[in-house]
Amino acid sequence: MAFDDHITTRLAEIHHRLDVIAKEEAQPDLLGGEAARRMYDTQRDLLIAETEDLLHEWEQLREANRS
């Protein structure tokens, strides 16, 4: 189950980073600046893709443990 713990830990880290990005982009002084230049789009997309991969691995791990 160590891998299971690794997945949940990484998901929490990703969630935190996405939350930070969302808060940064919501700052009024960034409107027209970093947010408008879509500075965080690539990072956000990579984090979301990693989340999807981790959830898929987690699902496979749980299915394997049911067998």
N, C-alpha and C. Protein backbone atom coordinates (compact mmCIF):
# COMPACT_ATOMS: atom_id res chain seq x y z
N MET A 1 0.80 -1.21 0.00
CA MET A 1 0.00 0.00 0.00
C MET A 1 0.84 1.28 0.00
N ALA A 2 2.16 1.14 -0.02
CA ALA A 2 3.03 2.32 -0.06
C ALA A 2 2.78 3.11 -1.34
N PHE A 3 2.54 2.41 -2.44
CA PHE A 3 2.26 3.09 -3.70
C PHE A 3 0.96 3.87 -3.60
N ASP A 4 -0.01 3.30 -2.91
CA ASP A 4 -1.29 3.95 -2.67
C ASP A 4 -1.07 5.27 -1.93
N ASP A 5 -0.20 5.24 -0.92
CA ASP A 5 0.12 6.46 -0.16
C ASP A 5 0.84 7.47 -1.04
N HIS A 6 1.72 6.98 -1.90
CA HIS A 6 2.44 7.88 -2.82
C HIS A 6 1.44 8.60 -3.73
N ILE A 7 0.47 7.88 -4.23
CA ILE A 7 -0.53 8.48 -5.12
C ILE A 7 -1.31 9.56 -4.40
N THR A 8 -1.81 9.26 -3.20
CA THR A 8 -2.61 10.25 -2.48
C THR A 8 -1.77 11.47 -2.10
N THR A 9 -0.51 11.25 -1.76
CA THR A 9 0.38 12.37 -1.43
C THR A 9 0.59 13.25 -2.66
N ARG A 10 0.86 12.63 -3.80
CA ARG A 10 1.10 13.40 -5.03
C ARG A 10 -0.17 14.12 -5.47
N LEU A 11 -1.32 13.47 -5.33
CA LEU A 11 -2.58 14.14 -5.69
C LEU A 11 -2.81 15.37 -4.82
N ALA A 12 -2.47 15.28 -3.55
CA ALA A 12 -2.61 16.44 -2.66
C ALA A 12 -1.67 17.56 -3.08
N GLU A 13 -0.45 17.22 -3.48
CA GLU A 13 0.51 18.22 -3.95
C GLU A 13 0.00 18.90 -5.22
N ILE A 14 -0.53 18.12 -6.14
CA ILE A 14 -1.07 18.68 -7.38
C ILE A 14 -2.24 19.60 -7.08
N HIS A 15 -3.12 19.16 -6.21
CA HIS A 15 -4.28 19.97 -5.83
C HIS A 15 -3.82 21.31 -5.26
N HIS A 16 -2.83 21.26 -4.38
CA HIS A 16 -2.31 22.49 -3.78
C HIS A 16 -1.76 23.43 -4.85
N ARG A 17 -0.97 22.90 -5.78
CA ARG A 17 -0.37 23.74 -6.82
C ARG A 17 -1.43 24.33 -7.74
N LEU A 18 -2.44 23.54 -8.09
CA LEU A 18 -3.52 24.06 -8.93
C LEU A 18 -4.29 25.16 -8.20
N ASP A 19 -4.47 24.99 -6.89
CA ASP A 19 -5.14 26.01 -6.08
C ASP A 19 -4.33 27.30 -6.07
N VAL A 20 -3.00 27.18 -5.93
CA VAL A 20 -2.13 28.36 -5.94
C VAL A 20 -2.22 29.06 -7.30
N ILE A 21 -2.18 28.29 -8.37
CA ILE A 21 -2.29 28.87 -9.72
C ILE A 21 -3.61 29.63 -9.86
N ALA A 22 -4.70 29.00 -9.44
CA ALA A 22 -6.01 29.65 -9.56
C ALA A 22 -6.06 30.95 -8.76
N LYS A 23 -5.49 30.95 -7.57
CA LYS A 23 -5.48 32.17 -6.75
C LYS A 23 -4.61 33.24 -7.37
N GLU A 24 -3.47 32.84 -7.93
CA GLU A 24 -2.58 33.81 -8.58
C GLU A 24 -3.27 34.43 -9.78
N GLU A 25 -3.93 33.61 -10.57
CA GLU A 25 -4.60 34.12 -11.77
C GLU A 25 -5.79 35.01 -11.41
N ALA A 26 -6.35 34.83 -10.24
CA ALA A 26 -7.51 35.63 -9.83
C ALA A 26 -7.11 37.00 -9.27
N GLN A 27 -5.82 37.22 -9.06
CA GLN A 27 -5.36 38.49 -8.51
C GLN A 27 -5.62 39.61 -9.52
N PRO A 28 -6.25 40.68 -9.07
CA PRO A 28 -6.57 41.78 -9.99
C PRO A 28 -5.34 42.37 -10.68
N ASP A 29 -4.20 42.41 -9.99
CA ASP A 29 -3.01 43.01 -10.60
C ASP A 29 -2.41 42.12 -11.69
N LEU A 30 -2.84 40.86 -11.75
CA LEU A 30 -2.34 39.97 -12.79
C LEU A 30 -3.21 40.00 -14.04
N LEU A 31 -4.44 40.49 -13.89
CA LEU A 31 -5.32 40.57 -15.05
C LEU A 31 -4.68 41.52 -16.06
N GLY A 32 -4.56 41.07 -17.26
CA GLY A 32 -3.86 41.85 -18.27
C GLY A 32 -2.37 41.58 -18.26
N GLY A 33 -1.92 40.83 -17.27
CA GLY A 33 -0.51 40.48 -17.17
C GLY A 33 -0.34 38.98 -17.35
N GLU A 34 0.14 38.32 -16.30
CA GLU A 34 0.42 36.88 -16.38
C GLU A 34 -0.82 36.06 -16.75
N ALA A 35 -1.94 36.39 -16.14
CA ALA A 35 -3.16 35.63 -16.42
C ALA A 35 -3.59 35.80 -17.88
N ALA A 36 -3.52 37.02 -18.37
CA ALA A 36 -3.93 37.29 -19.75
C ALA A 36 -2.99 36.62 -20.74
N ARG A 37 -1.71 36.51 -20.38
CA ARG A 37 -0.75 35.86 -21.27
C ARG A 37 -0.85 34.34 -21.19
N ARG A 38 -1.75 33.89 -20.35
CA ARG A 38 -1.99 32.46 -20.17
C ARG A 38 -0.70 31.75 -19.74
N MET A 39 0.01 32.40 -18.85
CA MET A 39 1.31 31.93 -18.39
C MET A 39 1.24 30.55 -17.73
N TYR A 40 0.14 30.25 -17.11
CA TYR A 40 0.03 29.01 -16.34
C TYR A 40 -0.65 27.86 -17.10
N ASP A 41 -1.08 28.10 -18.32
CA ASP A 41 -1.83 27.09 -19.06
C ASP A 41 -1.08 25.77 -19.21
N THR A 42 0.17 25.83 -19.62
CA THR A 42 0.94 24.61 -19.84
C THR A 42 1.13 23.85 -18.53
N GLN A 43 1.50 24.58 -17.48
CA GLN A 43 1.70 23.92 -16.19
C GLN A 43 0.39 23.28 -15.70
N ARG A 44 -0.71 24.01 -15.84
CA ARG A 44 -2.01 23.49 -15.40
C ARG A 44 -2.37 22.23 -16.20
N ASP A 45 -2.16 22.26 -17.51
CA ASP A 45 -2.48 21.11 -18.35
C ASP A 45 -1.64 19.89 -17.97
N LEU A 46 -0.35 20.11 -17.68
CA LEU A 46 0.52 19.00 -17.27
C LEU A 46 0.09 18.42 -15.93
N LEU A 47 -0.29 19.28 -14.99
CA LEU A 47 -0.74 18.80 -13.69
C LEU A 47 -2.05 18.03 -13.80
N ILE A 48 -2.95 18.49 -14.64
CA ILE A 48 -4.22 17.78 -14.84
C ILE A 48 -3.96 16.43 -15.50
N ALA A 49 -3.08 16.39 -16.49
CA ALA A 49 -2.74 15.13 -17.15
C ALA A 49 -2.11 14.16 -16.15
N GLU A 50 -1.23 14.66 -15.30
CA GLU A 50 -0.62 13.80 -14.28
C GLU A 50 -1.68 13.26 -13.32
N THR A 51 -2.63 14.11 -12.96
CA THR A 51 -3.72 13.68 -12.08
C THR A 51 -4.50 12.54 -12.71
N GLU A 52 -4.82 12.69 -13.99
CA GLU A 52 -5.56 11.64 -14.69
C GLU A 52 -4.77 10.33 -14.72
N ASP A 53 -3.47 10.42 -14.97
CA ASP A 53 -2.62 9.23 -14.98
C ASP A 53 -2.58 8.57 -13.60
N LEU A 54 -2.43 9.38 -12.56
CA LEU A 54 -2.38 8.84 -11.20
C LEU A 54 -3.70 8.17 -10.82
N LEU A 55 -4.81 8.79 -11.18
CA LEU A 55 -6.11 8.19 -10.87
C LEU A 55 -6.29 6.87 -11.61
N HIS A 56 -5.81 6.81 -12.85
CA HIS A 56 -5.88 5.57 -13.61
C HIS A 56 -5.03 4.48 -12.94
N GLU A 57 -3.81 4.84 -12.54
CA GLU A 57 -2.94 3.88 -11.84
C GLU A 57 -3.57 3.43 -10.53
N TRP A 58 -4.18 4.36 -9.82
CA TRP A 58 -4.81 4.05 -8.54
C TRP A 58 -5.97 3.07 -8.75
N GLU A 59 -6.74 3.32 -9.79
CA GLU A 59 -7.86 2.43 -10.11
C GLU A 59 -7.34 1.02 -10.44
N GLN A 60 -6.29 0.93 -11.23
CA GLN A 60 -5.71 -0.36 -11.56
C GLN A 60 -5.18 -1.07 -10.31
N LEU A 61 -4.54 -0.32 -9.44
CA LEU A 61 -4.02 -0.88 -8.19
C LEU A 61 -5.15 -1.45 -7.34
N ARG A 62 -6.22 -0.71 -7.22
CA ARG A 62 -7.36 -1.18 -6.41
C ARG A 62 -8.02 -2.41 -7.03
N GLU A 63 -8.13 -2.41 -8.37
CA GLU A 63 -8.70 -3.59 -9.03
C GLU A 63 -7.82 -4.81 -8.83
N ALA A 64 -6.52 -4.63 -8.88
CA ALA A 64 -5.58 -5.74 -8.67
C ALA A 64 -5.68 -6.28 -7.25
N ASN A 65 -5.92 -5.41 -6.29
CA ASN A 65 -6.04 -5.83 -4.90
C ASN A 65 -7.37 -6.53 -4.61
N ARG A 66 -8.37 -6.28 -5.45
CA ARG A 66 -9.68 -6.96 -5.29
C ARG A 66 -9.61 -8.41 -5.74
N SER A 67 -8.71 -8.69 -6.65
CA SER A 67 -8.63 -10.04 -7.24
C SER A 67 -8.00 -11.03 -6.29
